[in-house]
PDB file of N, CA and C in Angstrom:
ATOM      1  N   MET A   1     -30.209 -44.313  64.150  1.00  0.00           N
ATOM      2  CA  MET A   1     -29.227 -43.717  63.636  1.00  0.00           C
ATOM      3  C   MET A   1     -28.562 -42.686  64.408  1.00  0.00           C
ATOM      4  N   ASN A   2     -27.553 -42.406  64.810  1.00  0.00           N
ATOM      5  CA  ASN A   2     -27.042 -41.439  65.387  1.00  0.00           C
ATOM      6  C   ASN A   2     -26.464 -40.387  64.173  1.00  0.00           C
ATOM      7  N   VAL A   3     -26.838 -39.278  64.276  1.00  0.00           N
ATOM      8  CA  VAL A   3     -26.692 -38.019  63.322  1.00  0.00           C
ATOM      9  C   VAL A   3     -24.951 -37.904  63.419  1.00  0.00           C
ATOM     10  N   LEU A   4     -24.318 -38.248  64.784  1.00  0.00           N
ATOM     11  CA  LEU A   4     -22.827 -37.724  64.709  1.00  0.00           C
ATOM     12  C   LEU A   4     -21.846 -38.963  64.206  1.00  0.00           C
ATOM     13  N   ASP A   5     -22.602 -39.958  63.974  1.00  0.00           N
ATOM     14  CA  ASP A   5     -21.785 -41.205  63.418  1.00  0.00           C
ATOM     15  C   ASP A   5     -21.615 -41.069  61.938  1.00  0.00           C
ATOM     16  N   VAL A   6     -19.873 -40.709  61.808  1.00  0.00           N
ATOM     17  CA  VAL A   6     -19.536 -40.582  60.357  1.00  0.00           C
ATOM     18  C   VAL A   6     -18.165 -41.435  60.260  1.00  0.00           C
ATOM     19  N   LYS A   7     -18.348 -41.922  59.085  1.00  0.00           N
ATOM     20  CA  LYS A   7     -17.168 -42.758  58.440  1.00  0.00           C
ATOM     21  C   LYS A   7     -15.797 -42.137  58.545  1.00  0.00           C
ATOM     22  N   ASP A   8     -15.942 -41.128  58.119  1.00  0.00           N
ATOM     23  CA  ASP A   8     -14.515 -40.251  58.059  1.00  0.00           C
ATOM     24  C   ASP A   8     -14.700 -39.288  58.975  1.00  0.00           C
ATOM     25  N   THR A   9     -13.676 -39.305  60.083  1.00  0.00           N
ATOM     26  CA  THR A   9     -13.783 -38.207  60.886  1.00  0.00           C
ATOM     27  C   THR A   9     -13.253 -36.751  60.282  1.00  0.00           C
ATOM     28  N   LEU A  10     -12.988 -36.542  59.457  1.00  0.00           N
ATOM     29  CA  LEU A  10     -12.649 -35.308  58.912  1.00  0.00           C
ATOM     30  C   LEU A  10     -13.887 -34.593  58.046  1.00  0.00           C
ATOM     31  N   GLU A  11     -14.558 -35.612  57.618  1.00  0.00           N
ATOM     32  CA  GLU A  11     -15.922 -35.105  56.998  1.00  0.00           C
ATOM     33  C   GLU A  11     -16.577 -33.937  57.442  1.00  0.00           C
ATOM     34  N   PRO A  12     -16.789 -33.924  58.663  1.00  0.00           N
ATOM     35  CA  PRO A  12     -17.585 -32.576  58.994  1.00  0.00           C
ATOM     36  C   PRO A  12     -16.776 -31.158  59.020  1.00  0.00           C
ATOM     37  N   LEU A  13     -15.436 -31.448  59.155  1.00  0.00           N
ATOM     38  CA  LEU A  13     -14.038 -30.321  59.036  1.00  0.00           C
ATOM     39  C   LEU A  13     -14.324 -29.796  57.755  1.00  0.00           C
ATOM     40  N   GLY A  14     -14.320 -30.815  56.485  1.00  0.00           N
ATOM     41  CA  GLY A  14     -14.244 -30.199  55.079  1.00  0.00           C
ATOM     42  C   GLY A  14     -15.616 -29.448  54.997  1.00  0.00           C
ATOM     43  N   ILE A  15     -16.601 -30.117  55.305  1.00  0.00           N
ATOM     44  CA  ILE A  15     -17.928 -29.250  55.067  1.00  0.00           C
ATOM     45  C   ILE A  15     -17.908 -28.012  55.400  1.00  0.00           C
ATOM     46  N   ALA A  16     -17.495 -27.909  56.971  1.00  0.00           N
ATOM     47  CA  ALA A  16     -17.502 -26.655  57.649  1.00  0.00           C
ATOM     48  C   ALA A  16     -16.649 -25.695  56.845  1.00  0.00           C
ATOM     49  N   VAL A  17     -15.700 -26.208  56.673  1.00  0.00           N
ATOM     50  CA  VAL A  17     -14.530 -25.173  55.709  1.00  0.00           C
ATOM     51  C   VAL A  17     -15.086 -24.563  54.653  1.00  0.00           C
ATOM     52  N   GLY A  18     -15.582 -25.604  53.757  1.00  0.00           N
ATOM     53  CA  GLY A  18     -16.615 -25.347  52.521  1.00  0.00           C
ATOM     54  C   GLY A  18     -17.265 -24.306  52.577  1.00  0.00           C
ATOM     55  N   ALA A  19     -18.160 -24.483  53.600  1.00  0.00           N
ATOM     56  CA  ALA A  19     -19.276 -23.390  53.996  1.00  0.00           C
ATOM     57  C   ALA A  19     -18.741 -22.183  54.515  1.00  0.00           C
ATOM     58  N   LEU A  20     -17.781 -22.013  55.041  1.00  0.00           N
ATOM     59  CA  LEU A  20     -16.834 -21.004  55.392  1.00  0.00           C
ATOM     60  C   LEU A  20     -16.553 -20.016  54.437  1.00  0.00           C
ATOM     61  N   LEU A  21     -15.624 -21.028  53.510  1.00  0.00           N
ATOM     62  CA  LEU A  21     -15.473 -20.483  52.219  1.00  0.00           C
ATOM     63  C   LEU A  21     -16.517 -19.767  51.590  1.00  0.00           C
ATOM     64  N   ILE A  22     -17.448 -20.380  51.472  1.00  0.00           N
ATOM     65  CA  ILE A  22     -18.648 -19.520  50.691  1.00  0.00           C
ATOM     66  C   ILE A  22     -19.416 -18.557  51.157  1.00  0.00           C
ATOM     67  N   LEU A  23     -19.382 -18.460  52.491  1.00  0.00           N
ATOM     68  CA  LEU A  23     -19.625 -17.173  53.357  1.00  0.00           C
ATOM     69  C   LEU A  23     -18.697 -16.052  53.397  1.00  0.00           C
ATOM     70  N   VAL A  24     -17.480 -16.454  53.189  1.00  0.00           N
ATOM     71  CA  VAL A  24     -16.308 -15.155  53.110  1.00  0.00           C
ATOM     72  C   VAL A  24     -16.544 -14.826  51.553  1.00  0.00           C
ATOM     73  N   GLY A  25     -16.990 -15.488  50.550  1.00  0.00           N
ATOM     74  CA  GLY A  25     -17.310 -15.292  49.416  1.00  0.00           C
ATOM     75  C   GLY A  25     -18.462 -14.279  49.304  1.00  0.00           C
ATOM     76  N   VAL A  26     -19.549 -14.554  50.074  1.00  0.00           N
ATOM     77  CA  VAL A  26     -20.805 -13.913  50.198  1.00  0.00           C
ATOM     78  C   VAL A  26     -20.811 -12.369  50.977  1.00  0.00           C
ATOM     79  N   GLY A  27     -19.636 -12.738  51.811  1.00  0.00           N
ATOM     80  CA  GLY A  27     -19.251 -11.254  52.711  1.00  0.00           C
ATOM     81  C   GLY A  27     -18.644 -10.337  51.786  1.00  0.00           C
ATOM     82  N   THR A  28     -17.579 -10.989  50.839  1.00  0.00           N
ATOM     83  CA  THR A  28     -16.736 -10.201  49.962  1.00  0.00           C
ATOM     84  C   THR A  28     -17.829  -9.239  49.150  1.00  0.00           C
ATOM     85  N   LEU A  29     -18.788 -10.176  48.266  1.00  0.00           N
ATOM     86  CA  LEU A  29     -19.723  -9.674  47.338  1.00  0.00           C
ATOM     87  C   LEU A  29     -20.686  -8.364  48.167  1.00  0.00           C
ATOM     88  N   VAL A  30     -21.142  -8.793  49.394  1.00  0.00           N
ATOM     89  CA  VAL A  30     -21.879  -7.613  50.050  1.00  0.00           C
ATOM     90  C   VAL A  30     -21.158  -6.436  50.481  1.00  0.00           C
ATOM     91  N   GLY A  31     -19.651  -6.625  50.595  1.00  0.00           N
ATOM     92  CA  GLY A  31     -18.842  -5.309  51.019  1.00  0.00           C
ATOM     93  C   GLY A  31     -18.678  -4.738  49.745  1.00  0.00           C
ATOM     94  N   GLN A  32     -19.292  -5.014  48.293  1.00  0.00           N
ATOM     95  CA  GLN A  32     -19.140  -4.395  47.309  1.00  0.00           C
ATOM     96  C   GLN A  32     -17.773  -3.713  47.072  1.00  0.00           C
ATOM     97  N   PRO A  33     -16.775  -4.574  46.688  1.00  0.00           N
ATOM     98  CA  PRO A  33     -15.312  -4.270  46.515  1.00  0.00           C
ATOM     99  C   PRO A  33     -15.119  -3.510  45.223  1.00  0.00           C
ATOM    100  N   TRP A  34     -16.311  -3.437  44.377  1.00  0.00           N
ATOM    101  CA  TRP A  34     -16.152  -2.515  43.285  1.00  0.00           C
ATOM    102  C   TRP A  34     -16.156  -1.046  43.483  1.00  0.00           C
ATOM    103  N   ALA A  35     -16.970  -0.912  44.600  1.00  0.00           N
ATOM    104  CA  ALA A  35     -17.382   0.682  44.931  1.00  0.00           C
ATOM    105  C   ALA A  35     -16.063   1.446  45.459  1.00  0.00           C
ATOM    106  N   THR A  36     -15.015   0.815  45.997  1.00  0.00           N
ATOM    107  CA  THR A  36     -14.051   1.341  46.583  1.00  0.00           C
ATOM    108  C   THR A  36     -12.699   1.099  45.570  1.00  0.00           C
ATOM    109  N   SER A  37     -12.896   0.648  44.776  1.00  0.00           N
ATOM    110  CA  SER A  37     -11.485   0.310  43.698  1.00  0.00           C
ATOM    111  C   SER A  37     -11.919   1.587  42.542  1.00  0.00           C
ATOM    112  N   ASN A  38     -10.844   2.180  42.217  1.00  0.00           N
ATOM    113  CA  ASN A  38     -10.396   3.183  41.023  1.00  0.00           C
ATOM    114  C   ASN A  38      -9.974   2.035  39.800  1.00  0.00           C
ATOM    115  N   SER A  39      -9.632   1.220  39.948  1.00  0.00           N
ATOM    116  CA  SER A  39      -9.385   0.319  38.717  1.00  0.00           C
ATOM    117  C   SER A  39      -9.920  -0.714  38.399  1.00  0.00           C
ATOM    118  N   ALA A  40     -10.337  -0.939  37.083  1.00  0.00           N
ATOM    119  CA  ALA A  40     -11.237  -1.791  36.452  1.00  0.00           C
ATOM    120  C   ALA A  40     -10.665  -3.103  36.605  1.00  0.00           C
ATOM    121  N   GLY A  41      -9.370  -3.382  36.370  1.00  0.00           N
ATOM    122  CA  GLY A  41      -8.542  -4.528  36.694  1.00  0.00           C
ATOM    123  C   GLY A  41      -8.462  -4.982  37.992  1.00  0.00           C
ATOM    124  N   ALA A  42      -8.419  -4.129  39.125  1.00  0.00           N
ATOM    125  CA  ALA A  42      -8.356  -4.606  40.238  1.00  0.00           C
ATOM    126  C   ALA A  42     -10.025  -5.417  40.618  1.00  0.00           C
ATOM    127  N   THR A  43     -11.227  -4.721  39.913  1.00  0.00           N
ATOM    128  CA  THR A  43     -12.244  -4.975  40.485  1.00  0.00           C
ATOM    129  C   THR A  43     -12.604  -6.436  39.833  1.00  0.00           C
ATOM    130  N   VAL A  44     -12.199  -6.503  38.591  1.00  0.00           N
ATOM    131  CA  VAL A  44     -12.165  -7.901  37.890  1.00  0.00           C
ATOM    132  C   VAL A  44     -11.624  -8.999  38.769  1.00  0.00           C
ATOM    133  N   LEU A  45     -10.062  -8.560  39.177  1.00  0.00           N
ATOM    134  CA  LEU A  45      -9.462  -9.615  39.875  1.00  0.00           C
ATOM    135  C   LEU A  45     -10.491  -9.943  41.250  1.00  0.00           C
ATOM    136  N   GLN A  46     -10.823  -8.937  41.788  1.00  0.00           N
ATOM    137  CA  GLN A  46     -11.470  -9.277  43.011  1.00  0.00           C
ATOM    138  C   GLN A  46     -12.791  -9.948  42.827  1.00  0.00           C
ATOM    139  N   LEU A  47     -13.314  -9.869  41.803  1.00  0.00           N
ATOM    140  CA  LEU A  47     -14.612 -10.548  41.429  1.00  0.00           C
ATOM    141  C   LEU A  47     -14.227 -12.155  40.968  1.00  0.00           C
ATOM    142  N   LEU A  48     -13.089 -12.220  39.975  1.00  0.00           N
ATOM    143  CA  LEU A  48     -12.580 -13.701  40.070  1.00  0.00           C
ATOM    144  C   LEU A  48     -12.119 -14.013  41.367  1.00  0.00           C
ATOM    145  N   GLY A  49     -11.776 -13.669  42.217  1.00  0.00           N
ATOM    146  CA  GLY A  49     -11.335 -14.430  43.358  1.00  0.00           C
ATOM    147  C   GLY A  49     -12.427 -14.652  44.576  1.00  0.00           C
ATOM    148  N   VAL A  50     -13.622 -13.757  44.288  1.00  0.00           N
ATOM    149  CA  VAL A  50     -14.828 -14.350  44.919  1.00  0.00           C
ATOM    150  C   VAL A  50     -15.456 -15.529  44.097  1.00  0.00           C
ATOM    151  N   LEU A  51     -15.074 -15.630  43.110  1.00  0.00           N
ATOM    152  CA  LEU A  51     -15.799 -16.861  42.149  1.00  0.00           C
ATOM    153  C   LEU A  51     -14.795 -17.831  42.497  1.00  0.00           C
ATOM    154  N   VAL A  52     -13.478 -17.813  42.651  1.00  0.00           N
ATOM    155  CA  VAL A  52     -12.711 -18.897  43.218  1.00  0.00           C
ATOM    156  C   VAL A  52     -13.324 -19.482  44.481  1.00  0.00           C
ATOM    157  N   LEU A  53     -13.500 -18.485  45.263  1.00  0.00           N
ATOM    158  CA  LEU A  53     -13.846 -18.904  46.815  1.00  0.00           C
ATOM    159  C   LEU A  53     -15.088 -19.712  46.601  1.00  0.00           C
ATOM    160  N   PHE A  54     -16.129 -19.432  45.653  1.00  0.00           N
ATOM    161  CA  PHE A  54     -17.336 -20.178  45.498  1.00  0.00           C
ATOM    162  C   PHE A  54     -17.185 -21.454  45.162  1.00  0.00           C
ATOM    163  N   VAL A  55     -16.247 -21.394  44.328  1.00  0.00           N
ATOM    164  CA  VAL A  55     -15.937 -22.807  43.638  1.00  0.00           C
ATOM    165  C   VAL A  55     -15.248 -23.810  44.490  1.00  0.00           C
ATOM    166  N   LEU A  56     -14.222 -23.288  45.105  1.00  0.00           N
ATOM    167  CA  LEU A  56     -13.186 -24.108  46.088  1.00  0.00           C
ATOM    168  C   LEU A  56     -14.378 -24.544  47.178  1.00  0.00           C
ATOM    169  N   GLY A  57     -15.023 -23.657  47.829  1.00  0.00           N
ATOM    170  CA  GLY A  57     -16.064 -23.850  48.862  1.00  0.00           C
ATOM    171  C   GLY A  57     -16.746 -25.228  48.679  1.00  0.00           C
ATOM    172  N   ALA A  58     -17.711 -24.777  47.510  1.00  0.00           N
ATOM    173  CA  ALA A  58     -18.631 -25.842  47.099  1.00  0.00           C
ATOM    174  C   ALA A  58     -18.086 -27.076  46.641  1.00  0.00           C
ATOM    175  N   GLY A  59     -16.729 -27.149  46.162  1.00  0.00           N
ATOM    176  CA  GLY A  59     -15.906 -28.373  45.609  1.00  0.00           C
ATOM    177  C   GLY A  59     -15.614 -28.992  47.010  1.00  0.00           C
ATOM    178  N   LEU A  60     -15.189 -28.423  47.863  1.00  0.00           N
ATOM    179  CA  LEU A  60     -14.710 -28.961  49.206  1.00  0.00           C
ATOM    180  C   LEU A  60     -15.435 -29.614  49.926  1.00  0.00           C
ATOM    181  N   ALA A  61     -16.859 -28.977  49.911  1.00  0.00           N
ATOM    182  CA  ALA A  61     -17.843 -29.719  50.733  1.00  0.00           C
ATOM    183  C   ALA A  61     -18.522 -30.603  49.898  1.00  0.00           C
ATOM    184  N   TRP A  62     -18.742 -30.482  48.813  1.00  0.00           N
ATOM    185  CA  TRP A  62     -19.389 -31.868  48.033  1.00  0.00           C
ATOM    186  C   TRP A  62     -18.177 -33.005  48.107  1.00  0.00           C
ATOM    187  N   LEU A  63     -16.776 -32.803  48.080  1.00  0.00           N
ATOM    188  CA  LEU A  63     -15.998 -33.828  48.269  1.00  0.00           C
ATOM    189  C   LEU A  63     -15.925 -34.305  49.865  1.00  0.00           C
ATOM    190  N   SER A  64     -16.155 -33.476  50.268  1.00  0.00           N
ATOM    191  CA  SER A  64     -16.220 -34.032  51.903  1.00  0.00           C
ATOM    192  C   SER A  64     -17.360 -34.892  52.176  1.00  0.00           C
ATOM    193  N   TYR A  65     -18.257 -34.614  51.591  1.00  0.00           N
ATOM    194  CA  TYR A  65     -19.662 -34.982  52.013  1.00  0.00           C
ATOM    195  C   TYR A  65     -19.928 -36.152  51.498  1.00  0.00           C
ATOM    196  N   ASP A  66     -19.989 -37.445  52.468  1.00  0.00           N
ATOM    197  CA  ASP A  66     -20.274 -38.621  51.905  1.00  0.00           C
ATOM    198  C   ASP A  66     -21.772 -39.198  52.007  1.00  0.00           C
ATOM    199  N   ALA A  67     -22.276 -39.657  50.912  1.00  0.00           N
ATOM    200  CA  ALA A  67     -23.889 -39.398  51.117  1.00  0.00           C
ATOM    201  C   ALA A  67     -24.030 -41.223  51.144  1.00  0.00           C
TER     202      ALA A  67
END
């Protein structure tokens, strides 16, 4: 079986974009957005944005993956 044989030609793209979204979320957390913000509200919104990135990335990768 060839590893590159996929039924859906957009499957690898969906998985790659999902992984990229997760990596962007990790990079944002590593950058510690709460350390540079003076507002608690802004920090909460940034952390909610990171959570949304994780959910979207994982959801897209899961939907794209054809088991």
